[in-house]
Amino acid sequence: MDKKFDVFFTDEAKAFILSLDIKLQNKIAYNIQKSREINDPKLLKKL
C-alpha cells in the first residue's frame, strides 16, 4: 500500500517509546504503520 504521510519522532518521543514495555512499543508501531496506510478516523483520534 502507499503511504499517505511520513512520521518523524523527536528525540524525546523516541526516548519515551523506548522506555515503554516491548508490548506497548509494538502496539504503537503497529498503530502508526496502520494509520499511514489506511484512512481510519477512529485510529487517528487515538494517535
N, C-alpha and C. Protein backbone atom coordinates (compact mmCIF):
# COMPACT_ATOMS: atom_id res chain seq x y z
N MET A 1 0.84 -1.19 0.00
CA MET A 1 0.00 0.00 0.00
C MET A 1 0.88 1.25 0.00
N ASP A 2 0.33 2.32 -0.48
CA ASP A 2 1.04 3.59 -0.49
C ASP A 2 0.92 4.27 0.86
N LYS A 3 2.01 4.94 1.26
CA LYS A 3 1.97 5.71 2.50
C LYS A 3 1.30 7.05 2.21
N LYS A 4 0.44 7.47 3.12
CA LYS A 4 -0.24 8.75 2.98
C LYS A 4 0.58 9.90 3.58
N PHE A 5 1.44 9.57 4.55
CA PHE A 5 2.29 10.58 5.17
C PHE A 5 3.46 9.88 5.84
N ASP A 6 4.48 10.65 6.18
CA ASP A 6 5.65 10.14 6.89
C ASP A 6 5.56 10.56 8.34
N VAL A 7 6.20 9.79 9.19
CA VAL A 7 6.20 10.08 10.63
C VAL A 7 7.65 10.28 11.06
N PHE A 8 7.91 11.39 11.73
CA PHE A 8 9.22 11.68 12.28
C PHE A 8 9.06 11.87 13.78
N PHE A 9 9.96 11.28 14.55
CA PHE A 9 9.90 11.38 16.00
C PHE A 9 10.98 12.32 16.51
N THR A 10 10.65 13.09 17.53
CA THR A 10 11.66 13.88 18.21
C THR A 10 12.49 12.93 19.08
N ASP A 11 13.63 13.40 19.54
CA ASP A 11 14.47 12.57 20.41
C ASP A 11 13.73 12.21 21.70
N GLU A 12 12.94 13.15 22.21
CA GLU A 12 12.19 12.90 23.43
C GLU A 12 11.12 11.82 23.20
N ALA A 13 10.46 11.87 22.05
CA ALA A 13 9.45 10.87 21.74
C ALA A 13 10.08 9.49 21.60
N LYS A 14 11.23 9.41 20.94
CA LYS A 14 11.94 8.14 20.81
C LYS A 14 12.31 7.58 22.18
N ALA A 15 12.84 8.45 23.04
CA ALA A 15 13.24 8.01 24.37
C ALA A 15 12.03 7.51 25.16
N PHE A 16 10.90 8.21 25.03
CA PHE A 16 9.70 7.80 25.73
C PHE A 16 9.22 6.43 25.25
N ILE A 17 9.15 6.25 23.94
CA ILE A 17 8.68 4.97 23.39
C ILE A 17 9.62 3.84 23.80
N LEU A 18 10.91 4.09 23.77
CA LEU A 18 11.87 3.06 24.16
C LEU A 18 11.81 2.73 25.65
N SER A 19 11.28 3.65 26.45
CA SER A 19 11.17 3.39 27.89
C SER A 19 9.94 2.53 28.22
N LEU A 20 9.05 2.35 27.24
CA LEU A 20 7.85 1.55 27.46
C LEU A 20 8.15 0.06 27.32
N ASP A 21 7.22 -0.74 27.82
CA ASP A 21 7.30 -2.19 27.68
C ASP A 21 7.30 -2.55 26.19
N ILE A 22 7.98 -3.63 25.84
CA ILE A 22 8.10 -4.02 24.43
C ILE A 22 6.73 -4.26 23.79
N LYS A 23 5.79 -4.75 24.55
CA LYS A 23 4.45 -4.99 24.02
C LYS A 23 3.78 -3.67 23.62
N LEU A 24 3.95 -2.65 24.44
CA LEU A 24 3.39 -1.34 24.13
C LEU A 24 4.11 -0.70 22.95
N GLN A 25 5.42 -0.89 22.87
CA GLN A 25 6.18 -0.36 21.74
C GLN A 25 5.65 -0.95 20.43
N ASN A 26 5.41 -2.25 20.43
CA ASN A 26 4.91 -2.92 19.23
C ASN A 26 3.52 -2.42 18.86
N LYS A 27 2.66 -2.19 19.84
CA LYS A 27 1.31 -1.71 19.58
C LYS A 27 1.36 -0.30 18.97
N ILE A 28 2.21 0.55 19.51
CA ILE A 28 2.35 1.91 18.99
C ILE A 28 2.85 1.86 17.55
N ALA A 29 3.87 1.04 17.30
CA ALA A 29 4.43 0.92 15.95
C ALA A 29 3.37 0.41 14.97
N TYR A 30 2.58 -0.58 15.39
CA TYR A 30 1.53 -1.13 14.55
C TYR A 30 0.49 -0.06 14.21
N ASN A 31 0.04 0.68 15.23
CA ASN A 31 -0.98 1.71 15.00
C ASN A 31 -0.47 2.83 14.10
N ILE A 32 0.78 3.21 14.26
CA ILE A 32 1.35 4.25 13.40
C ILE A 32 1.43 3.76 11.96
N GLN A 33 1.92 2.53 11.78
CA GLN A 33 2.02 1.97 10.44
C GLN A 33 0.64 1.85 9.79
N LYS A 34 -0.34 1.39 10.55
CA LYS A 34 -1.70 1.25 10.03
C LYS A 34 -2.27 2.61 9.63
N SER A 35 -2.04 3.63 10.46
CA SER A 35 -2.58 4.95 10.17
C SER A 35 -1.95 5.56 8.92
N ARG A 36 -0.71 5.16 8.61
CA ARG A 36 -0.03 5.67 7.42
C ARG A 36 -0.64 5.11 6.14
N GLU A 37 -1.28 3.96 6.23
CA GLU A 37 -1.79 3.27 5.04
C GLU A 37 -3.30 3.33 4.88
N ILE A 38 -4.02 3.42 5.98
CA ILE A 38 -5.49 3.35 5.94
C ILE A 38 -6.06 4.61 6.55
N ASN A 39 -7.06 5.19 5.91
CA ASN A 39 -7.72 6.37 6.43
C ASN A 39 -8.80 5.94 7.42
N ASP A 40 -8.43 5.88 8.70
CA ASP A 40 -9.35 5.44 9.74
C ASP A 40 -9.44 6.53 10.81
N PRO A 41 -10.49 7.35 10.79
CA PRO A 41 -10.60 8.45 11.75
C PRO A 41 -10.58 8.00 13.21
N LYS A 42 -11.12 6.82 13.47
CA LYS A 42 -11.13 6.29 14.83
C LYS A 42 -9.71 6.03 15.32
N LEU A 43 -8.88 5.47 14.45
CA LEU A 43 -7.49 5.20 14.81
C LEU A 43 -6.70 6.49 14.95
N LEU A 44 -6.87 7.42 14.02
CA LEU A 44 -6.13 8.69 14.08
C LEU A 44 -6.49 9.49 15.34
N LYS A 45 -7.72 9.34 15.80
CA LYS A 45 -8.12 10.04 17.01
C LYS A 45 -7.30 9.57 18.20
N LYS A 46 -6.97 8.28 18.25
CA LYS A 46 -6.16 7.73 19.32
C LYS A 46 -4.74 8.24 19.28
N LEU A 47 -4.23 8.45 18.09
CA LEU A 47 -2.86 8.93 17.96
C LEU A 47 -2.83 10.42 18.16
